[in-house]
Protein backbone atom coordinates (compact mmCIF):
# COMPACT_ATOMS: atom_id res chain seq x y z
CA MET A 1 63.11 123.28 100.71
CA LYS A 2 65.29 126.52 101.11
CA ARG A 3 66.44 128.53 98.31
CA SER A 4 69.95 129.62 97.56
CA ILE A 5 69.99 133.40 98.92
CA SER A 6 72.17 134.11 95.49
CA MET A 7 69.36 133.29 93.25
CA LEU A 8 66.98 135.64 92.38
CA ASP A 9 63.26 135.79 92.49
CA TYR A 10 61.27 135.28 89.10
CA GLU A 11 60.50 138.38 87.72
CA GLU A 12 59.06 138.13 84.11
CA GLY A 13 60.78 141.09 82.42
CA ARG A 14 64.14 139.95 83.19
CA PHE A 15 63.24 136.54 82.46
CA ARG A 16 61.99 137.51 79.01
CA ARG A 17 64.71 139.10 77.93
CA LYS A 18 66.92 136.17 78.78
CA VAL A 19 64.64 133.88 76.53
CA ASP A 20 64.50 136.31 73.56
CA ALA A 21 68.17 136.87 73.54
CA ALA A 22 68.55 133.17 73.56
CA LEU A 23 65.85 132.80 70.89
CA SER A 24 67.92 134.75 68.55
CA GLU A 25 71.13 132.94 69.13
CA LEU A 26 69.16 129.59 68.70
CA ARG A 27 67.52 130.84 65.25
CA LYS A 28 71.17 130.95 63.56
CA THR A 29 71.41 126.89 64.12
CA LEU A 30 67.95 126.30 63.21
CA SER A 31 66.49 125.99 59.59
CA ALA A 32 64.29 128.63 58.12
CA ALA A 33 61.01 126.71 58.57
CA ARG A 34 61.52 126.46 62.60
CA HIS A 35 60.27 129.33 64.26
CA PRO A 36 60.22 128.38 68.26
CA VAL A 37 58.32 131.10 70.49
CA TYR A 38 58.26 132.07 74.23
CA ALA A 39 55.25 129.64 75.54
CA PRO A 40 52.98 131.95 76.69
CA ASN A 41 52.61 133.19 73.19
CA GLU A 42 51.91 129.95 71.62
CA PRO A 43 48.39 128.10 71.62
CA HIS A 44 48.30 124.77 73.78
CA VAL A 45 46.66 122.64 76.12
CA TYR A 46 46.85 122.00 80.24
CA ASP A 47 48.86 118.64 79.13
CA ASP A 48 51.53 120.48 77.22
CA LYS A 49 52.26 122.70 80.31
CA PHE A 50 53.38 119.37 81.82
CA GLY A 51 55.20 118.42 78.92
CA LEU A 52 56.76 121.56 78.94
CA ALA A 53 57.93 121.27 82.45
CA ASN A 54 59.40 118.00 81.68
CA PHE A 55 61.32 119.05 78.75
CA VAL A 56 62.73 122.20 80.71
CA ASN A 57 64.00 119.97 83.27
CA ASN A 58 65.41 116.99 81.13
CA THR A 59 67.21 119.92 79.32
CA SER A 60 68.40 121.49 82.60
CA LEU A 61 69.98 118.18 83.59
CA ALA A 62 71.96 117.43 81.09
CA ALA A 63 73.51 120.84 80.81
CA GLN A 64 73.89 120.14 84.40
CA LEU A 65 76.06 117.27 83.50
CA ASN A 66 77.52 119.50 80.64
CA CYS A 67 78.96 121.81 82.94
CA LEU A 68 80.12 119.23 85.07
CA GLU A 69 82.19 117.29 82.77
CA ALA A 70 83.94 120.42 81.89
CA LEU A 71 84.88 120.44 85.57
CA GLY A 72 86.40 117.45 85.37
CA LEU A 73 83.30 114.29 85.56
CA ASP A 74 84.08 112.53 82.58
CA GLU A 75 82.04 109.29 81.43
CA GLN A 76 83.80 106.79 83.37
CA LYS A 77 83.13 108.83 86.91
CA VAL A 78 79.45 109.42 86.06
CA ARG A 79 78.87 105.69 85.53
CA GLN A 80 80.88 105.26 88.70
CA CYS A 81 78.66 107.75 90.49
CA VAL A 82 75.63 106.20 89.09
CA GLN A 83 76.12 102.75 90.33
CA TRP A 84 77.44 104.08 93.83
CA VAL A 85 73.74 105.55 93.59
CA HIS A 86 71.57 103.02 91.77
CA SER A 87 73.52 99.38 93.45
CA GLY A 88 75.03 100.48 96.21
CA GLY A 89 72.66 102.85 97.74
CA LYS A 90 74.62 105.51 98.84
CA HIS A 91 74.80 109.31 99.04
CA VAL A 92 77.00 111.22 96.66
CA THR A 93 78.40 115.03 97.54
CA LEU A 94 80.19 116.87 95.65
CA GLY A 95 82.73 118.95 97.75
CA PHE A 96 85.23 121.84 97.14
CA TYR A 97 88.17 122.21 99.65
CA ALA A 98 90.41 125.05 99.97
CA SER A 99 93.28 126.57 102.11
CA GLU A 100 96.08 129.18 102.10
CA GLN A 101 99.44 129.19 103.35
CA CYS A 102 101.70 132.72 103.86
CA GLU A 103 105.38 132.33 104.75
CA TYR A 104 108.07 135.13 104.68
CA LEU A 105 110.76 135.17 102.22
CA ARG A 106 113.12 137.82 102.37
CA GLU A 107 113.55 141.89 103.31
CA CYS A 108 114.82 144.11 100.71
CA THR A 109 115.88 147.72 100.83
CA ARG A 110 116.39 150.10 97.97
CA GLU A 111 116.69 153.60 97.45
CA VAL A 112 114.46 155.73 95.39
CA GLN A 113 115.69 159.41 94.54
CA SER A 114 113.35 162.10 94.47
CA LYS A 115 112.31 163.44 90.79
CA THR A 116 112.58 166.99 92.57
CA LYS A 117 116.10 168.91 92.43
CA HIS A 118 117.24 171.65 94.87
CA VAL A 119 119.21 174.11 93.46
CA SER A 120 121.40 176.73 96.00
CA GLU A 121 123.70 179.51 94.22
CA ASN A 122 126.67 181.17 95.85
CA THR A 123 128.51 183.78 94.59
CA LEU A 124 131.85 182.22 95.85
CA PHE A 125 131.67 178.76 94.95
CA GLY A 126 128.67 179.18 92.04
CA LYS A 127 125.98 176.59 91.55
CA SER A 128 125.17 173.20 93.33
CA GLU A 129 122.38 170.89 93.25
CA SER A 130 121.09 168.33 95.00
CA LYS A 131 118.30 165.41 95.51
CA SER A 132 116.67 163.72 98.28
CA VAL A 133 117.18 160.33 98.54
CA THR A 134 114.54 157.81 100.37
CA ARG A 135 115.36 154.25 101.31
CA ILE A 136 112.72 151.99 101.31
CA THR A 137 112.45 148.66 103.18
CA GLU A 138 110.20 146.34 101.63
CA HIS A 139 109.14 142.53 102.88
CA PHE A 140 107.93 139.45 100.46
CA TRP A 141 106.07 137.29 101.44
CA LYS A 142 105.23 133.61 99.39
CA TYR A 143 101.04 133.34 99.35
CA THR A 144 99.67 129.63 98.38
CA ALA A 145 96.32 128.94 97.51
CA GLU A 146 95.34 125.14 97.33
CA TYR A 147 92.13 123.71 96.16
CA LYS A 148 90.73 120.36 95.16
CA ILE A 149 87.35 119.15 94.19
CA LEU A 150 86.11 115.86 94.79
CA VAL A 151 82.97 113.46 94.55
CA PHE A 152 82.73 110.88 97.05
CA HIS A 153 80.04 108.58 99.13
CA GLY A 154 79.39 108.36 102.58
CA ASP A 155 80.44 111.39 105.40
CA ALA A 156 83.78 112.22 104.17
CA PRO A 157 86.74 111.17 101.32
CA ALA A 158 88.40 108.49 101.60
CA GLU A 159 90.47 105.80 99.76
CA GLY A 160 88.20 104.15 97.44
CA SER A 161 85.10 106.23 98.18
CA SER A 162 86.01 109.64 96.05
CA LEU A 163 86.88 110.69 92.77
CA ALA A 164 89.04 113.85 92.26
CA LEU A 165 87.73 116.47 89.51
CA GLN A 166 90.20 119.34 90.12
CA GLN A 167 93.35 119.86 92.01
CA ARG A 168 95.84 122.48 92.04
CA ALA A 169 98.19 124.79 94.06
CA GLY A 170 99.26 128.31 93.09
CA SER A 171 101.60 131.04 94.55
CA CYS A 172 102.38 134.85 94.00
CA GLU A 173 104.28 137.33 96.33
CA ILE A 174 103.02 139.76 98.21
CA MET A 175 104.71 142.81 99.43
CA THR A 176 104.30 144.90 102.47
CA SER A 177 105.99 148.05 104.19
CA THR A 178 106.48 145.99 107.80
CA ALA A 179 106.91 142.65 108.92
CA VAL A 180 103.70 141.86 109.98
CA SER A 181 102.09 138.79 107.68
CA PRO A 182 99.21 139.90 105.76
CA ARG A 183 97.73 136.64 105.69
CA PRO A 184 97.33 134.07 108.43
CA ALA A 185 100.44 131.71 108.18
CA SER A 186 98.17 128.88 107.42
CA THR A 187 94.24 128.64 107.36
CA THR A 188 91.75 126.20 105.82
CA ALA A 189 88.31 127.50 104.42
CA PRO A 190 85.09 125.59 105.49
CA PRO A 191 84.15 123.25 102.65
CA LYS A 192 81.48 123.64 100.51
CA PHE A 193 79.18 120.80 100.02
CA ALA A 194 76.39 119.99 97.32
CA ALA A 195 74.35 116.74 97.56
CA LEU A 196 74.01 114.71 93.97
CA THR A 197 72.05 112.01 94.98
CA TRP A 198 68.71 112.88 93.35
CA PHE A 199 70.97 114.01 90.47
CA PHE A 200 72.48 110.95 89.77
CA LYS A 201 68.80 108.64 90.52
CA GLN A 202 67.85 110.49 87.47
CA ILE A 203 70.36 108.97 85.52
CA SER A 204 69.80 105.38 84.73
CA THR A 205 72.67 102.87 84.60
CA SER A 206 72.61 102.74 80.89
CA LEU A 207 73.18 106.57 81.12
CA GLN A 208 69.76 107.62 80.01
CA LEU A 209 67.91 110.76 81.64
CA SER A 210 64.40 110.13 82.58
CA PHE A 211 62.79 113.04 84.47
CA ALA A 212 59.33 112.67 84.25
CA ILE A 213 56.50 114.32 86.60
CA ASP A 214 54.06 111.72 88.44
CA ARG A 215 50.51 113.07 87.28
CA THR A 216 49.06 110.17 89.12
CA ALA A 217 50.21 110.72 92.21
CA GLU A 218 47.99 112.75 94.86
CA ALA A 219 50.20 115.20 95.59
CA CYS A 220 50.85 116.46 91.99
CA HIS A 221 48.39 119.80 91.83
CA THR A 222 50.30 121.71 89.25
CA PRO A 223 53.03 121.27 86.27
CA ARG A 224 55.15 123.31 89.46
CA ARG A 225 53.65 122.07 92.42
CA ASN A 226 54.77 118.22 92.25
CA GLU A 227 56.83 116.19 94.48
CA GLN A 228 59.52 116.08 91.25
CA VAL A 229 59.71 119.17 90.09
CA GLU A 230 60.12 120.33 93.84
CA SER A 231 63.02 117.92 94.14
CA ALA A 232 64.57 119.50 90.97
CA LEU A 233 64.55 122.84 92.23
CA SER A 234 65.75 121.64 95.76
CA HIS A 235 68.50 119.94 94.13
CA GLY A 236 69.16 123.16 92.02
CA TYR A 237 69.04 125.66 95.16
CA GLU A 238 71.85 123.61 96.79
CA LEU A 239 74.06 123.29 93.83
CA HIS A 240 73.43 127.20 93.13
CA ALA A 241 74.70 128.00 96.30
CA TRP A 242 77.83 125.63 95.97
CA ALA A 243 78.90 127.36 92.29
CA ALA A 244 78.37 130.54 93.99
CA ALA A 245 80.65 129.70 97.19
CA LEU A 246 83.17 128.63 94.93
CA CYS A 247 83.05 131.73 92.59
CA ALA A 248 83.28 133.72 96.00
CA HIS A 249 86.34 132.10 97.48
CA LEU A 250 88.32 132.39 94.05
CA SER A 251 87.12 135.94 92.96
CA ASN A 252 86.89 137.80 96.46
CA VAL A 253 89.79 135.61 98.61
CA VAL A 254 92.51 134.59 96.24
CA PHE A 255 92.44 136.59 93.37
CA PRO A 256 92.93 139.88 95.15
CA ASN A 257 96.33 138.56 96.99
CA TRP A 258 97.69 139.19 93.66
CA GLN A 259 98.71 142.61 93.59
CA PRO A 260 101.75 144.55 91.60
CA THR A 261 104.54 144.35 94.49
CA SER A 262 107.76 146.52 93.38
CA THR A 263 111.24 145.99 91.12
CA SER A 264 112.52 144.18 93.90
CA GLY A 265 109.71 141.56 93.38
CA ALA A 266 109.00 138.73 91.09
CA ASP A 267 106.77 140.53 88.79
CA GLY A 268 108.98 143.54 88.67
CA GLY A 269 106.28 145.74 89.88
CA LYS A 270 103.65 144.97 87.11
CA GLY A 271 101.47 142.55 88.70
CA HIS A 272 99.52 139.42 86.70
CA ALA A 273 98.42 141.82 84.10
CA LEU A 274 95.07 139.59 83.44
CA ASP A 275 91.85 140.47 82.44
CA LEU A 276 89.43 139.22 85.04
CA ALA A 277 86.84 141.12 83.97
CA ALA A 278 86.30 138.90 81.21
CA LEU A 279 85.52 136.09 83.78
CA ARG A 280 82.14 137.70 84.29
CA ARG A 281 80.76 137.75 80.54
CA THR A 282 77.71 135.30 80.26
CA ASP A 283 77.89 134.66 76.63
CA ILE A 284 77.58 130.78 77.05
CA PHE A 285 74.24 129.46 75.42
CA VAL A 286 71.59 128.09 78.13
CA PRO A 287 69.82 125.65 76.63
CA VAL A 288 66.41 125.64 79.24
CA LEU A 289 64.10 127.29 77.67
CA PRO A 290 60.29 127.38 78.18
CA ILE A 291 59.47 127.61 74.31
CA LEU A 292 56.67 125.90 72.34
CA GLU A 293 56.52 125.35 68.27
CA THR A 294 53.12 124.07 66.66
CA GLY A 295 53.34 121.64 63.73
CA ALA A 296 57.43 121.48 63.40
CA GLU A 297 59.45 118.58 62.33
CA ASP A 298 61.64 117.45 65.26
CA SER A 299 64.99 117.94 64.42
CA PRO A 300 67.06 114.73 63.45
CA GLN A 301 69.14 113.10 66.87
CA ALA A 302 72.88 113.01 65.48
CA GLU A 303 75.41 111.26 66.75
CA GLY A 304 77.06 113.52 69.37
CA SER A 305 79.85 113.34 72.61
CA GLN A 306 77.13 113.54 75.26
CA ILE A 307 77.65 111.46 78.20
CA VAL A 308 73.87 110.85 78.86
CA THR A 309 70.86 110.91 76.29
CA ILE A 310 67.41 111.40 77.05
CA ALA A 311 64.99 108.39 77.48
CA SER A 312 62.60 108.00 74.33
CA SER A 313 59.68 107.53 76.48
CA LEU A 314 59.43 111.04 77.35
CA GLU A 315 58.90 112.34 73.32
CA ALA A 316 56.14 114.43 73.50
CA PRO A 317 53.30 113.18 71.03
CA LYS A 318 53.49 114.49 67.56
CA SER A 319 50.25 117.01 67.86
CA SER A 320 52.19 118.57 70.87
CA PRO A 321 53.70 121.66 70.55
CA VAL A 322 56.65 120.70 72.94
CA LEU A 323 59.92 120.48 71.26
CA GLY A 324 61.15 116.90 70.57
CA LEU A 325 64.68 115.15 71.79
CA GLY A 326 66.04 116.17 68.50
CA ASP A 327 65.58 119.89 69.53
CA ILE A 328 67.00 119.14 72.70
CA GLN A 329 70.29 117.55 71.79
CA ASN A 330 70.80 120.69 69.51
CA PHE A 331 70.19 123.04 72.20
CA LEU A 332 73.17 120.99 74.14
CA ARG A 333 75.41 120.72 71.23
CA LEU A 334 75.34 124.50 70.84
CA GLN A 335 75.83 125.12 74.65
CA ARG A 336 78.65 122.75 74.47
CA ALA A 337 80.32 124.36 71.39
CA THR A 338 80.08 127.95 73.07
CA LEU A 339 81.09 126.91 76.44
CA ASP A 340 84.72 124.75 74.43
CA ARG A 341 85.18 128.27 72.65
CA ARG A 342 85.01 130.26 75.93
CA VAL A 343 86.99 127.50 77.92
CA ALA A 344 89.52 127.75 74.73
CA ALA A 345 89.80 131.43 74.64
CA ILE A 346 90.68 131.33 78.45
CA ALA A 347 93.42 128.66 77.84
CA SER A 348 95.07 131.29 75.57
CA ALA A 349 94.60 134.42 77.58
CA PHE A 350 95.88 132.53 81.24
CA PRO A 351 99.35 131.05 82.47
CA PRO A 352 98.63 127.08 82.25
CA PRO A 353 98.06 124.91 85.20
CA SER A 354 101.02 123.61 85.02
CA SER A 355 102.84 126.76 86.11
CA ALA A 356 103.05 128.18 89.42
CA SER A 357 100.85 130.57 89.05
CA LEU A 358 98.32 131.80 91.70
CA ILE A 359 95.85 132.29 88.90
CA SER A 360 95.87 130.12 85.80
CA ALA A 361 93.79 128.93 82.94
CA ALA A 362 92.37 126.50 85.33
CA GLU A 363 91.04 128.65 88.31
CA ALA A 364 89.57 131.09 85.12
CA SER A 365 87.72 128.55 83.70
CA LEU A 366 86.33 127.41 87.42
CA VAL A 367 84.97 131.00 87.72
CA VAL A 368 83.53 130.56 84.11
CA LEU A 369 82.27 127.01 84.53
CA ALA A 370 80.68 128.01 88.12
CA THR A 371 78.85 130.95 86.88
CA HIS A 372 77.40 129.02 83.71
CA LEU A 373 75.82 126.49 86.31
CA GLN A 374 74.43 129.28 88.21
CA GLU A 375 72.97 130.51 85.05
CA ILE A 376 71.38 127.44 84.20
CA LEU A 377 69.92 126.33 87.65
CA GLN A 378 68.69 130.37 87.83
CA GLN A 379 66.97 129.59 84.40
CA LEU A 380 65.38 126.31 85.41
CA HIS A 381 64.15 128.05 88.59
CA ASP A 382 62.42 130.99 86.10
CA SER A 383 61.24 128.52 83.76
CA VAL A 384 59.22 126.75 86.23
CA ASP A 385 57.93 129.75 87.93
CA CYS A 386 57.26 131.08 84.33
CA ILE A 387 54.70 127.78 83.10
CA GLU A 388 53.06 128.01 86.91
CA GLN A 389 52.38 132.02 86.19
CA MET A 390 51.26 131.50 82.60
CA LEU A 391 48.74 128.70 83.91
CA ARG A 392 47.54 131.31 87.12
CA LYS A 393 47.11 134.30 84.53
CA GLN A 394 45.05 132.03 82.15
CA LEU A 395 42.70 131.04 85.06
CA VAL A 396 42.45 134.56 85.86
CA THR A 397 41.37 135.65 82.27
CA ALA A 398 39.06 132.42 82.33
CA VAL A 399 37.33 133.35 85.40
CA GLY A 400 37.36 137.38 85.02
CA ARG A 401 39.11 138.65 87.73
CA GLU A 402 41.09 138.10 90.40
CA LEU A 403 39.26 136.52 93.56
CA SER A 404 40.43 137.46 97.33
CA PRO A 405 39.49 136.15 100.51
CA ARG A 406 37.21 139.08 100.72
CA ASP A 407 35.23 137.58 97.52
CA PHE A 408 34.81 133.94 99.28
CA SER A 409 33.57 136.01 102.46
CA LYS A 410 30.95 137.47 100.58
CA TYR A 411 30.22 134.42 98.78
CA MET A 412 29.28 132.76 102.10
CA GLU A 413 27.42 134.93 103.34
CA TYR A 414 25.04 135.06 100.78
CA HIS A 415 24.35 131.67 100.91
CA ASN A 416 24.52 131.77 104.73
CA GLN A 417 21.47 133.82 104.37
CA LYS A 418 19.73 131.69 102.08
CA LEU A 419 18.91 129.50 105.39
CA PHE A 420 16.96 131.90 107.09
CA ARG A 421 13.09 132.72 106.13
CA PRO A 422 13.05 136.57 105.54
CA ALA A 423 11.60 137.76 108.48
CA TYR A 424 14.33 136.32 110.07
CA LYS A 425 17.45 137.11 108.01
CA PRO A 426 20.45 138.36 110.09
CA GLN A 427 20.74 142.21 108.81
CA PRO A 428 23.66 144.39 108.78
CA PHE A 429 24.24 146.39 112.19
CA CYS A 430 23.73 150.05 111.10
CA PHE A 431 21.81 153.12 112.66
CA ALA A 432 21.26 156.66 112.25
CA VAL A 433 22.69 158.87 114.74
CA ARG A 434 19.97 161.65 115.06
CA ARG A 435 18.58 163.89 117.59
CA PRO A 436 14.33 163.87 118.02
CA ASP A 437 12.96 165.56 115.04
CA HIS A 438 16.55 166.59 113.41
CA TYR A 439 17.77 165.37 110.64
CA PRO A 440 20.35 162.10 111.05
CA GLU A 441 23.37 163.42 111.79
CA GLY A 442 25.40 160.44 110.82
CA THR A 443 25.40 156.76 111.32
CA VAL A 444 27.21 153.98 113.22
CA SER A 445 27.70 150.46 112.02
CA ILE A 446 30.15 147.22 112.83
CA GLU A 447 31.70 146.06 109.66
CA ALA A 448 34.45 143.02 109.25
CA GLU A 449 37.47 144.03 106.99
CA VAL A 450 39.35 141.07 105.87
CA ARG A 451 42.80 141.74 105.72
CA PRO A 452 45.38 139.44 103.68
CA SER A 453 47.51 137.16 105.87
CA LEU A 454 51.06 138.16 106.78
CA CYS A 455 51.96 134.38 107.04
């Protein structure tokens, strides 16, 4: 399982701040009697840790689907993908394809007068003024960027085996002072892929999520170390890398090409005047939270617009502090509401996708959605690591100290010595260094030092 290089390692302080901020936002939508808290601060039993791991994984899967739906994966396409996986036994892949073209448009020459006046005086003819005029030659190019996002089965998209989620082409003018092309005439970026087979296997043909840890399996050791969670994280790492690559292509390759030209350009020298920095704001609610609440009534499961529901068989026992299915629906509803508000704000601030603009609301929404998808997957990674860290801390507290390899070595040495009679018991190699009739000047001994492995 290879982790995405763009995903951060678990760091308790950073993660705790995120959870606290999410809880503050969440309490605005809950009744005054509800007080969910950060999981390590709520008393619970060992089984609740497995229930919490199931909770965050199912919430993460539903949140990922909300994000993919906003990318264009509607209910009909979800049903088709589920059918490919369950009935056809096929592998489903999410692909991002992008290409660029650059063609020469025209040459323009304009004259620019200097702001400095040169005044000369002559006693015979009086005073004369002159200005410098600079002739500037400008070359204009048409830069076009195209992309498409597909879901397909098999080794490559084909007619009848692929579903288009988004597709668009936009262009802008690039100005140069020479006739050398600023970009290659035509280039195709390496496609970015993410496997979705495991993801759709978690959705039944009746569109129910059914992620659950198999505690009877021999490979199940802890809520974090088991086959089901490892598969969820492996899927998350791959999808996180895909979303990061999409963001990087649009933000670092495509967007920087739209720069102000001149008065001879199509933009009149003004550029796009769009607030691209706003796309980096992280104000969409991330519902993946390792939180618990003892004795709380589950929120009612109201009718919603979710494509999938979570199987009722995964409901936690009433005595468990793990939140119920109704709470998951409320979390997802809050995520969808903040997501819709953000997309609506982008639509009002950016050119419509139907325009020929290089940067439109479609590309801006893509960056926001891909960033949010990365946040969901990062939160899942941190949540399961938080559960494992919580278990480790409780174990260290119960033992009284953190045991090292040296402690086990001493333990075995102590018990090995019990095999010998006192007269034959091995003694440490330690002797005094001394001259006859003199006080010892030191000792010589052989000691074994156990160092931590670097593997």
